[in-house]
Amino acid sequence: MKKVLFSLLLMLATMQLFAQDNGVEMADKLRSDGKIYVVVVCIVIILVGLLAYLFSIDKRLKKIEKENTGKN
């Protein structure tokens, strides 16, 4: 019951956000100047870098786990 009430409360809170349709002036300005693509490319580069870093950590962790299970 608590989960249902909490879900309804969150839904009502987000519905209020949809009522605010004033637009984002900064994004509109960047889009009109054509610079929004620079922002998108920067975000994609950062995300790809983070994903590559996480996969490298995962690979090293699997190697360490494999070494530790072999010793037992």
C-alpha atoms as a PDB file:
ATOM      1  CA  MET A   1       0.000   0.000   0.000  1.00  0.00           C
ATOM      2  CA  LYS A   2       2.848   2.355   0.814  1.00  0.00           C
ATOM      3  CA  LYS A   3       4.449   1.702  -2.559  1.00  0.00           C
ATOM      4  CA  VAL A   4       1.238   2.566  -4.384  1.00  0.00           C
ATOM      5  CA  LEU A   5       0.775   5.800  -2.440  1.00  0.00           C
ATOM      6  CA  PHE A   6       4.404   6.734  -2.988  1.00  0.00           C
ATOM      7  CA  SER A   7       4.085   6.044  -6.724  1.00  0.00           C
ATOM      8  CA  LEU A   8       0.954   8.180  -6.960  1.00  0.00           C
ATOM      9  CA  LEU A   9       2.662  10.995  -5.082  1.00  0.00           C
ATOM     10  CA  LEU A  10       5.622  10.893  -7.470  1.00  0.00           C
ATOM     11  CA  MET A  11       3.311  10.868 -10.486  1.00  0.00           C
ATOM     12  CA  LEU A  12       1.473  13.925  -9.203  1.00  0.00           C
ATOM     13  CA  ALA A  13       4.761  15.704  -8.576  1.00  0.00           C
ATOM     14  CA  THR A  14       5.948  15.064 -12.129  1.00  0.00           C
ATOM     15  CA  MET A  15       2.645  16.134 -13.678  1.00  0.00           C
ATOM     16  CA  GLN A  16       3.249  19.600 -12.285  1.00  0.00           C
ATOM     17  CA  LEU A  17       6.494  19.740 -14.256  1.00  0.00           C
ATOM     18  CA  PHE A  18       4.645  19.168 -17.530  1.00  0.00           C
ATOM     19  CA  ALA A  19       2.549  22.263 -16.872  1.00  0.00           C
ATOM     20  CA  GLN A  20       5.636  24.473 -17.056  1.00  0.00           C
ATOM     21  CA  ASP A  21       6.185  24.884 -20.784  1.00  0.00           C
ATOM     22  CA  ASN A  22       8.283  28.022 -20.975  1.00  0.00           C
ATOM     23  CA  GLY A  23      11.079  26.436 -23.037  1.00  0.00           C
ATOM     24  CA  VAL A  24      14.779  26.515 -22.351  1.00  0.00           C
ATOM     25  CA  GLU A  25      16.221  29.716 -23.747  1.00  0.00           C
ATOM     26  CA  MET A  26      19.824  28.529 -23.671  1.00  0.00           C
ATOM     27  CA  ALA A  27      19.021  25.383 -25.674  1.00  0.00           C
ATOM     28  CA  ASP A  28      16.964  27.391 -28.169  1.00  0.00           C
ATOM     29  CA  LYS A  29      19.844  29.850 -28.634  1.00  0.00           C
ATOM     30  CA  LEU A  30      22.389  27.038 -29.098  1.00  0.00           C
ATOM     31  CA  ARG A  31      20.084  25.277 -31.546  1.00  0.00           C
ATOM     32  CA  SER A  32      19.544  28.413 -33.600  1.00  0.00           C
ATOM     33  CA  ASP A  33      23.305  29.078 -33.746  1.00  0.00           C
ATOM     34  CA  GLY A  34      24.033  25.466 -34.665  1.00  0.00           C
ATOM     35  CA  LYS A  35      26.202  25.003 -31.581  1.00  0.00           C
ATOM     36  CA  ILE A  36      23.919  22.408 -30.023  1.00  0.00           C
ATOM     37  CA  TYR A  37      25.785  19.748 -31.985  1.00  0.00           C
ATOM     38  CA  VAL A  38      29.025  20.732 -30.253  1.00  0.00           C
ATOM     39  CA  VAL A  39      27.313  20.214 -26.892  1.00  0.00           C
ATOM     40  CA  VAL A  40      25.911  16.853 -27.992  1.00  0.00           C
ATOM     41  CA  VAL A  41      29.317  15.701 -29.274  1.00  0.00           C
ATOM     42  CA  CYS A  42      30.985  16.710 -25.998  1.00  0.00           C
ATOM     43  CA  ILE A  43      28.389  14.804 -23.974  1.00  0.00           C
ATOM     44  CA  VAL A  44      28.793  11.731 -26.185  1.00  0.00           C
ATOM     45  CA  ILE A  45      32.600  11.859 -25.843  1.00  0.00           C
ATOM     46  CA  ILE A  46      32.315  12.068 -22.052  1.00  0.00           C
ATOM     47  CA  LEU A  47      29.842   9.165 -21.917  1.00  0.00           C
ATOM     48  CA  VAL A  48      31.967   6.998 -24.205  1.00  0.00           C
ATOM     49  CA  GLY A  49      35.003   7.728 -22.031  1.00  0.00           C
ATOM     50  CA  LEU A  50      33.110   6.788 -18.881  1.00  0.00           C
ATOM     51  CA  LEU A  51      31.830   3.577 -20.458  1.00  0.00           C
ATOM     52  CA  ALA A  52      35.313   2.620 -21.650  1.00  0.00           C
ATOM     53  CA  TYR A  53      36.667   3.271 -18.154  1.00  0.00           C
ATOM     54  CA  LEU A  54      33.934   1.152 -16.548  1.00  0.00           C
ATOM     55  CA  PHE A  55      34.522  -1.717 -18.976  1.00  0.00           C
ATOM     56  CA  SER A  56      38.263  -1.622 -18.301  1.00  0.00           C
ATOM     57  CA  ILE A  57      37.622  -1.730 -14.549  1.00  0.00           C
ATOM     58  CA  ASP A  58      35.202  -4.624 -15.059  1.00  0.00           C
ATOM     59  CA  LYS A  59      37.774  -6.504 -17.115  1.00  0.00           C
ATOM     60  CA  ARG A  60      40.464  -6.042 -14.458  1.00  0.00           C
ATOM     61  CA  LEU A  61      38.050  -7.037 -11.700  1.00  0.00           C
ATOM     62  CA  LYS A  62      37.096 -10.236 -13.522  1.00  0.00           C
ATOM     63  CA  LYS A  63      40.788 -11.042 -13.917  1.00  0.00           C
ATOM     64  CA  ILE A  64      41.398 -10.543 -10.196  1.00  0.00           C
ATOM     65  CA  GLU A  65      38.337 -12.633  -9.296  1.00  0.00           C
ATOM     66  CA  LYS A  66      39.524 -15.388 -11.617  1.00  0.00           C
ATOM     67  CA  GLU A  67      42.972 -15.385  -9.960  1.00  0.00           C
ATOM     68  CA  ASN A  68      41.434 -15.517  -6.471  1.00  0.00           C
ATOM     69  CA  THR A  69      39.061 -18.383  -7.280  1.00  0.00           C
ATOM     70  CA  GLY A  70      41.959 -20.354  -8.762  1.00  0.00           C
ATOM     71  CA  LYS A  71      43.930 -20.135  -5.507  1.00  0.00           C
ATOM     72  CA  ASN A  72      41.128 -21.584  -3.359  1.00  0.00           C
END
